[in-house]
Amino acid sequence: VKVAEDKVKEASITTIGAIALQGIRRADVRLGETVCVIGLGLLGQLTVQLAKRSGCTVIGIDLLPERLELAMKLGAD
């Protein structure tokens, strides 16, 4: 049963990652551009990482300082 629970969790995270990636695609983000991610919850944190790995300068905005700190650890400029 534990293995099945782990697979379900992995599958759900993959879906959320796909949503973040679709946002990057729809924004037509290009290498070297500056991206601003407003809201650094789970989806925002994934978007920060994807944009950074796409070669962008990433600015993150959130009201919670701990989310800002996490975003900086994950690559936000």
PDB file of N, CA and C in Angstrom:
ATOM      1  N   VAL A   1       0.829  -1.191   0.000  1.00  0.00           N
ATOM      2  CA  VAL A   1       0.000   0.000   0.000  1.00  0.00           C
ATOM      3  C   VAL A   1       0.880   1.265   0.000  1.00  0.00           C
ATOM      4  N   LYS A   2       2.003   1.219   0.721  1.00  0.00           N
ATOM      5  CA  LYS A   2       2.908   2.360   0.798  1.00  0.00           C
ATOM      6  C   LYS A   2       3.455   2.738  -0.584  1.00  0.00           C
ATOM      7  N   VAL A   3       3.790   1.720  -1.384  1.00  0.00           N
ATOM      8  CA  VAL A   3       4.313   1.963  -2.731  1.00  0.00           C
ATOM      9  C   VAL A   3       3.270   2.670  -3.591  1.00  0.00           C
ATOM     10  N   ALA A   4       2.024   2.231  -3.485  1.00  0.00           N
ATOM     11  CA  ALA A   4       0.942   2.850  -4.258  1.00  0.00           C
ATOM     12  C   ALA A   4       0.751   4.305  -3.855  1.00  0.00           C
ATOM     13  N   GLU A   5       0.848   4.618  -2.561  1.00  0.00           N
ATOM     14  CA  GLU A   5       0.718   5.993  -2.091  1.00  0.00           C
ATOM     15  C   GLU A   5       1.845   6.858  -2.634  1.00  0.00           C
ATOM     16  N   ASP A   6       3.063   6.333  -2.663  1.00  0.00           N
ATOM     17  CA  ASP A   6       4.206   7.075  -3.195  1.00  0.00           C
ATOM     18  C   ASP A   6       4.007   7.385  -4.674  1.00  0.00           C
ATOM     19  N   LYS A   7       3.492   6.432  -5.436  1.00  0.00           N
ATOM     20  CA  LYS A   7       3.252   6.630  -6.875  1.00  0.00           C
ATOM     21  C   LYS A   7       2.193   7.695  -7.114  1.00  0.00           C
ATOM     22  N   VAL A   8       1.155   7.706  -6.290  1.00  0.00           N
ATOM     23  CA  VAL A   8       0.102   8.713  -6.426  1.00  0.00           C
ATOM     24  C   VAL A   8       0.675  10.097  -6.137  1.00  0.00           C
ATOM     25  N   LYS A   9       1.501  10.211  -5.105  1.00  0.00           N
ATOM     26  CA  LYS A   9       2.121  11.494  -4.773  1.00  0.00           C
ATOM     27  C   LYS A   9       3.026  11.968  -5.913  1.00  0.00           C
ATOM     28  N   GLU A  10       3.841  11.076  -6.451  1.00  0.00           N
ATOM     29  CA  GLU A  10       4.714  11.431  -7.565  1.00  0.00           C
ATOM     30  C   GLU A  10       3.905  11.891  -8.777  1.00  0.00           C
ATOM     31  N   ALA A  11       2.823  11.196  -9.066  1.00  0.00           N
ATOM     32  CA  ALA A  11       1.986  11.553 -10.205  1.00  0.00           C
ATOM     33  C   ALA A  11       1.351  12.924 -10.022  1.00  0.00           C
ATOM     34  N   SER A  12       0.921  13.237  -8.800  1.00  0.00           N
ATOM     35  CA  SER A  12       0.292  14.539  -8.566  1.00  0.00           C
ATOM     36  C   SER A  12       1.305  15.672  -8.695  1.00  0.00           C
ATOM     37  N   ILE A  13       2.529  15.453  -8.250  1.00  0.00           N
ATOM     38  CA  ILE A  13       3.567  16.482  -8.375  1.00  0.00           C
ATOM     39  C   ILE A  13       3.930  16.694  -9.840  1.00  0.00           C
ATOM     40  N   THR A  14       3.946  15.619 -10.608  1.00  0.00           N
ATOM     41  CA  THR A  14       4.231  15.723 -12.043  1.00  0.00           C
ATOM     42  C   THR A  14       3.196  16.588 -12.731  1.00  0.00           C
ATOM     43  N   THR A  15       1.940  16.429 -12.369  1.00  0.00           N
ATOM     44  CA  THR A  15       0.864  17.221 -12.968  1.00  0.00           C
ATOM     45  C   THR A  15       1.029  18.694 -12.635  1.00  0.00           C
ATOM     46  N   ILE A  16       1.380  19.002 -11.398  1.00  0.00           N
ATOM     47  CA  ILE A  16       1.581  20.397 -10.999  1.00  0.00           C
ATOM     48  C   ILE A  16       2.771  20.986 -11.758  1.00  0.00           C
ATOM     49  N   GLY A  17       3.827  20.194 -11.929  1.00  0.00           N
ATOM     50  CA  GLY A  17       4.981  20.648 -12.712  1.00  0.00           C
ATOM     51  C   GLY A  17       4.595  20.943 -14.153  1.00  0.00           C
ATOM     52  N   ALA A  18       3.713  20.127 -14.712  1.00  0.00           N
ATOM     53  CA  ALA A  18       3.251  20.340 -16.085  1.00  0.00           C
ATOM     54  C   ALA A  18       2.465  21.650 -16.198  1.00  0.00           C
ATOM     55  N   ILE A  19       1.718  21.993 -15.172  1.00  0.00           N
ATOM     56  CA  ILE A  19       0.972  23.261 -15.170  1.00  0.00           C
ATOM     57  C   ILE A  19       1.946  24.435 -15.173  1.00  0.00           C
ATOM     58  N   ALA A  20       2.989  24.364 -14.345  1.00  0.00           N
ATOM     59  CA  ALA A  20       3.993  25.424 -14.309  1.00  0.00           C
ATOM     60  C   ALA A  20       4.704  25.537 -15.659  1.00  0.00           C
ATOM     61  N   LEU A  21       5.044  24.411 -16.244  1.00  0.00           N
ATOM     62  CA  LEU A  21       5.713  24.408 -17.547  1.00  0.00           C
ATOM     63  C   LEU A  21       4.821  24.994 -18.633  1.00  0.00           C
ATOM     64  N   GLN A  22       3.547  24.701 -18.588  1.00  0.00           N
ATOM     65  CA  GLN A  22       2.613  25.273 -19.568  1.00  0.00           C
ATOM     66  C   GLN A  22       2.552  26.792 -19.439  1.00  0.00           C
ATOM     67  N   GLY A  23       2.629  27.299 -18.210  1.00  0.00           N
ATOM     68  CA  GLY A  23       2.666  28.756 -18.018  1.00  0.00           C
ATOM     69  C   GLY A  23       3.896  29.380 -18.651  1.00  0.00           C
ATOM     70  N   ILE A  24       5.044  28.719 -18.500  1.00  0.00           N
ATOM     71  CA  ILE A  24       6.282  29.200 -19.125  1.00  0.00           C
ATOM     72  C   ILE A  24       6.143  29.181 -20.647  1.00  0.00           C
ATOM     73  N   ARG A  25       5.585  28.120 -21.175  1.00  0.00           N
ATOM     74  CA  ARG A  25       5.394  28.010 -22.635  1.00  0.00           C
ATOM     75  C   ARG A  25       4.446  29.082 -23.162  1.00  0.00           C
ATOM     76  N   ARG A  26       3.316  29.260 -22.476  1.00  0.00           N
ATOM     77  CA  ARG A  26       2.321  30.247 -22.948  1.00  0.00           C
ATOM     78  C   ARG A  26       2.843  31.663 -22.861  1.00  0.00           C
ATOM     79  N   ALA A  27       3.726  31.927 -21.903  1.00  0.00           N
ATOM     80  CA  ALA A  27       4.320  33.261 -21.785  1.00  0.00           C
ATOM     81  C   ALA A  27       5.380  33.484 -22.863  1.00  0.00           C
ATOM     82  N   ASP A  28       5.736  32.420 -23.574  1.00  0.00           N
ATOM     83  CA  ASP A  28       6.739  32.483 -24.641  1.00  0.00           C
ATOM     84  C   ASP A  28       8.057  33.067 -24.124  1.00  0.00           C
ATOM     85  N   VAL A  29       8.477  32.535 -22.986  1.00  0.00           N
ATOM     86  CA  VAL A  29       9.708  32.988 -22.332  1.00  0.00           C
ATOM     87  C   VAL A  29      10.911  32.572 -23.172  1.00  0.00           C
ATOM     88  N   ARG A  30      11.845  33.503 -23.330  1.00  0.00           N
ATOM     89  CA  ARG A  30      13.041  33.253 -24.141  1.00  0.00           C
ATOM     90  C   ARG A  30      14.302  33.410 -23.306  1.00  0.00           C
ATOM     91  N   LEU A  31      15.361  32.777 -23.759  1.00  0.00           N
ATOM     92  CA  LEU A  31      16.664  32.852 -23.120  1.00  0.00           C
ATOM     93  C   LEU A  31      17.080  34.301 -22.924  1.00  0.00           C
ATOM     94  N   GLY A  32      17.476  34.657 -21.701  1.00  0.00           N
ATOM     95  CA  GLY A  32      17.963  35.995 -21.408  1.00  0.00           C
ATOM     96  C   GLY A  32      16.907  36.999 -20.985  1.00  0.00           C
ATOM     97  N   GLU A  33      15.643  36.637 -21.053  1.00  0.00           N
ATOM     98  CA  GLU A  33      14.584  37.557 -20.646  1.00  0.00           C
ATOM     99  C   GLU A  33      14.465  37.605 -19.122  1.00  0.00           C
ATOM    100  N   THR A  34      13.767  38.613 -18.643  1.00  0.00           N
ATOM    101  CA  THR A  34      13.476  38.723 -17.216  1.00  0.00           C
ATOM    102  C   THR A  34      12.033  38.292 -16.996  1.00  0.00           C
ATOM    103  N   VAL A  35      11.843  37.407 -16.032  1.00  0.00           N
ATOM    104  CA  VAL A  35      10.521  36.863 -15.711  1.00  0.00           C
ATOM    105  C   VAL A  35      10.177  37.257 -14.280  1.00  0.00           C
ATOM    106  N   CYS A  36       8.944  37.695 -14.063  1.00  0.00           N
ATOM    107  CA  CYS A  36       8.477  38.007 -12.716  1.00  0.00           C
ATOM    108  C   CYS A  36       7.384  37.010 -12.351  1.00  0.00           C
ATOM    109  N   VAL A  37       7.592  36.303 -11.256  1.00  0.00           N
ATOM    110  CA  VAL A  37       6.609  35.333 -10.765  1.00  0.00           C
ATOM    111  C   VAL A  37       5.935  35.951  -9.547  1.00  0.00           C
ATOM    112  N   ILE A  38       4.640  36.184  -9.661  1.00  0.00           N
ATOM    113  CA  ILE A  38       3.869  36.784  -8.572  1.00  0.00           C
ATOM    114  C   ILE A  38       3.132  35.665  -7.847  1.00  0.00           C
ATOM    115  N   GLY A  39       3.488  35.475  -6.585  1.00  0.00           N
ATOM    116  CA  GLY A  39       2.916  34.390  -5.794  1.00  0.00           C
ATOM    117  C   GLY A  39       3.864  33.208  -5.798  1.00  0.00           C
ATOM    118  N   LEU A  40       4.476  32.949  -4.668  1.00  0.00           N
ATOM    119  CA  LEU A  40       5.505  31.920  -4.587  1.00  0.00           C
ATOM    120  C   LEU A  40       5.069  30.720  -3.753  1.00  0.00           C
ATOM    121  N   GLY A  41       3.846  30.298  -4.001  1.00  0.00           N
ATOM    122  CA  GLY A  41       3.382  29.037  -3.424  1.00  0.00           C
ATOM    123  C   GLY A  41       4.015  27.898  -4.213  1.00  0.00           C
ATOM    124  N   LEU A  42       3.431  26.731  -4.159  1.00  0.00           N
ATOM    125  CA  LEU A  42       3.993  25.568  -4.833  1.00  0.00           C
ATOM    126  C   LEU A  42       4.175  25.814  -6.332  1.00  0.00           C
ATOM    127  N   LEU A  43       3.138  26.278  -6.983  1.00  0.00           N
ATOM    128  CA  LEU A  43       3.202  26.523  -8.424  1.00  0.00           C
ATOM    129  C   LEU A  43       4.218  27.618  -8.764  1.00  0.00           C
ATOM    130  N   GLY A  44       4.250  28.663  -7.961  1.00  0.00           N
ATOM    131  CA  GLY A  44       5.199  29.748  -8.175  1.00  0.00           C
ATOM    132  C   GLY A  44       6.637  29.287  -8.012  1.00  0.00           C
ATOM    133  N   GLN A  45       6.900  28.451  -7.010  1.00  0.00           N
ATOM    134  CA  GLN A  45       8.258  27.946  -6.783  1.00  0.00           C
ATOM    135  C   GLN A  45       8.714  27.084  -7.962  1.00  0.00           C
ATOM    136  N   LEU A  46       7.824  26.259  -8.470  1.00  0.00           N
ATOM    137  CA  LEU A  46       8.162  25.451  -9.646  1.00  0.00           C
ATOM    138  C   LEU A  46       8.422  26.339 -10.862  1.00  0.00           C
ATOM    139  N   THR A  47       7.619  27.382 -11.011  1.00  0.00           N
ATOM    140  CA  THR A  47       7.786  28.301 -12.138  1.00  0.00           C
ATOM    141  C   THR A  47       9.121  29.029 -12.046  1.00  0.00           C
ATOM    142  N   VAL A  48       9.514  29.433 -10.842  1.00  0.00           N
ATOM    143  CA  VAL A  48      10.819  30.069 -10.639  1.00  0.00           C
ATOM    144  C   VAL A  48      11.926  29.151 -11.134  1.00  0.00           C
ATOM    145  N   GLN A  49      11.878  27.897 -10.744  1.00  0.00           N
ATOM    146  CA  GLN A  49      12.923  26.947 -11.124  1.00  0.00           C
ATOM    147  C   GLN A  49      12.957  26.703 -12.635  1.00  0.00           C
ATOM    148  N   LEU A  50      11.788  26.553 -13.242  1.00  0.00           N
ATOM    149  CA  LEU A  50      11.736  26.310 -14.676  1.00  0.00           C
ATOM    150  C   LEU A  50      12.237  27.513 -15.467  1.00  0.00           C
ATOM    151  N   ALA A  51      11.841  28.713 -15.040  1.00  0.00           N
ATOM    152  CA  ALA A  51      12.281  29.920 -15.741  1.00  0.00           C
ATOM    153  C   ALA A  51      13.794  30.110 -15.607  1.00  0.00           C
ATOM    154  N   LYS A  52      14.317  29.849 -14.428  1.00  0.00           N
ATOM    155  CA  LYS A  52      15.758  29.989 -14.207  1.00  0.00           C
ATOM    156  C   LYS A  52      16.527  29.004 -15.076  1.00  0.00           C
ATOM    157  N   ARG A  53      16.049  27.783 -15.138  1.00  0.00           N
ATOM    158  CA  ARG A  53      16.725  26.765 -15.945  1.00  0.00           C
ATOM    159  C   ARG A  53      16.528  26.983 -17.438  1.00  0.00           C
ATOM    160  N   SER A  54      15.612  27.893 -17.794  1.00  0.00           N
ATOM    161  CA  SER A  54      15.425  28.266 -19.191  1.00  0.00           C
ATOM    162  C   SER A  54      16.328  29.432 -19.570  1.00  0.00           C
ATOM    163  N   GLY A  55      17.167  29.854 -18.627  1.00  0.00           N
ATOM    164  CA  GLY A  55      18.127  30.914 -18.911  1.00  0.00           C
ATOM    165  C   GLY A  55      17.614  32.320 -18.672  1.00  0.00           C
ATOM    166  N   CYS A  56      16.607  32.448 -17.833  1.00  0.00           N
ATOM    167  CA  CYS A  56      16.016  33.763 -17.565  1.00  0.00           C
ATOM    168  C   CYS A  56      16.497  34.332 -16.231  1.00  0.00           C
ATOM    169  N   THR A  57      16.420  35.638 -16.132  1.00  0.00           N
ATOM    170  CA  THR A  57      16.564  36.310 -14.849  1.00  0.00           C
ATOM    171  C   THR A  57      15.182  36.246 -14.204  1.00  0.00           C
ATOM    172  N   VAL A  58      15.107  35.801 -12.949  1.00  0.00           N
ATOM    173  CA  VAL A  58      13.804  35.557 -12.321  1.00  0.00           C
ATOM    174  C   VAL A  58      13.626  36.440 -11.095  1.00  0.00           C
ATOM    175  N   ILE A  59      12.522  37.170 -11.079  1.00  0.00           N
ATOM    176  CA  ILE A  59      12.141  37.998  -9.934  1.00  0.00           C
ATOM    177  C   ILE A  59      10.898  37.361  -9.317  1.00  0.00           C
ATOM    178  N   GLY A  60      10.915  37.155  -8.023  1.00  0.00           N
ATOM    179  CA  GLY A  60       9.773  36.575  -7.327  1.00  0.00           C
ATOM    180  C   GLY A  60       9.144  37.582  -6.380  1.00  0.00           C
ATOM    181  N   ILE A  61       7.816  37.576  -6.328  1.00  0.00           N
ATOM    182  CA  ILE A  61       7.074  38.490  -5.453  1.00  0.00           C
ATOM    183  C   ILE A  61       6.102  37.671  -4.604  1.00  0.00           C
ATOM    184  N   ASP A  62       6.140  37.906  -3.297  1.00  0.00           N
ATOM    185  CA  ASP A  62       5.198  37.266  -2.382  1.00  0.00           C
ATOM    186  C   ASP A  62       5.158  38.072  -1.093  1.00  0.00           C
ATOM    187  N   LEU A  63       4.086  37.933  -0.343  1.00  0.00           N
ATOM    188  CA  LEU A  63       3.949  38.647   0.929  1.00  0.00           C
ATOM    189  C   LEU A  63       4.662  37.945   2.072  1.00  0.00           C
ATOM    190  N   LEU A  64       4.925  36.643   1.928  1.00  0.00           N
ATOM    191  CA  LEU A  64       5.542  35.878   3.006  1.00  0.00           C
ATOM    192  C   LEU A  64       7.059  35.788   2.819  1.00  0.00           C
ATOM    193  N   PRO A  65       7.830  36.303   3.781  1.00  0.00           N
ATOM    194  CA  PRO A  65       9.290  36.294   3.661  1.00  0.00           C
ATOM    195  C   PRO A  65       9.882  34.901   3.484  1.00  0.00           C
ATOM    196  N   GLU A  66       9.291  33.885   4.123  1.00  0.00           N
ATOM    197  CA  GLU A  66       9.842  32.540   3.990  1.00  0.00           C
ATOM    198  C   GLU A  66       9.701  31.998   2.568  1.00  0.00           C
ATOM    199  N   ARG A  67       8.658  32.416   1.868  1.00  0.00           N
ATOM    200  CA  ARG A  67       8.514  32.009   0.467  1.00  0.00           C
ATOM    201  C   ARG A  67       9.557  32.699  -0.402  1.00  0.00           C
ATOM    202  N   LEU A  68       9.837  33.952  -0.087  1.00  0.00           N
ATOM    203  CA  LEU A  68      10.880  34.672  -0.824  1.00  0.00           C
ATOM    204  C   LEU A  68      12.243  34.027  -0.611  1.00  0.00           C
ATOM    205  N   GLU A  69      12.526  33.648   0.628  1.00  0.00           N
ATOM    206  CA  GLU A  69      13.802  32.986   0.938  1.00  0.00           C
ATOM    207  C   GLU A  69      13.934  31.668   0.177  1.00  0.00           C
ATOM    208  N   LEU A  70      12.860  30.889   0.148  1.00  0.00           N
ATOM    209  CA  LEU A  70      12.885  29.616  -0.568  1.00  0.00           C
ATOM    210  C   LEU A  70      13.115  29.849  -2.062  1.00  0.00           C
ATOM    211  N   ALA A  71      12.436  30.836  -2.613  1.00  0.00           N
ATOM    212  CA  ALA A  71      12.592  31.137  -4.043  1.00  0.00           C
ATOM    213  C   ALA A  71      14.046  31.508  -4.359  1.00  0.00           C
ATOM    214  N   MET A  72      14.680  32.260  -3.469  1.00  0.00           N
ATOM    215  CA  MET A  72      16.073  32.630  -3.686  1.00  0.00           C
ATOM    216  C   MET A  72      16.980  31.401  -3.622  1.00  0.00           C
ATOM    217  N   LYS A  73      16.692  30.492  -2.716  1.00  0.00           N
ATOM    218  CA  LYS A  73      17.470  29.245  -2.636  1.00  0.00           C
ATOM    219  C   LYS A  73      17.292  28.399  -3.889  1.00  0.00           C
ATOM    220  N   LEU A  74      16.115  28.514  -4.517  1.00  0.00           N
ATOM    221  CA  LEU A  74      15.816  27.717  -5.701  1.00  0.00           C
ATOM    222  C   LEU A  74      16.232  28.410  -6.998  1.00  0.00           C
ATOM    223  N   GLY A  75      16.802  29.626  -6.886  1.00  0.00           N
ATOM    224  CA  GLY A  75      17.342  30.249  -8.087  1.00  0.00           C
ATOM    225  C   GLY A  75      16.852  31.643  -8.426  1.00  0.00           C
ATOM    226  N   ALA A  76      15.846  32.150  -7.713  1.00  0.00           N
ATOM    227  CA  ALA A  76      15.370  33.497  -8.030  1.00  0.00           C
ATOM    228  C   ALA A  76      16.478  34.524  -7.798  1.00  0.00           C
ATOM    229  N   ASP A  77      16.489  35.531  -8.642  1.00  0.00           N
ATOM    230  CA  ASP A  77      17.514  36.565  -8.545  1.00  0.00           C
ATOM    231  C   ASP A  77      17.084  37.671  -7.602  1.00  0.00           C
TER     232      ASP A  77
END
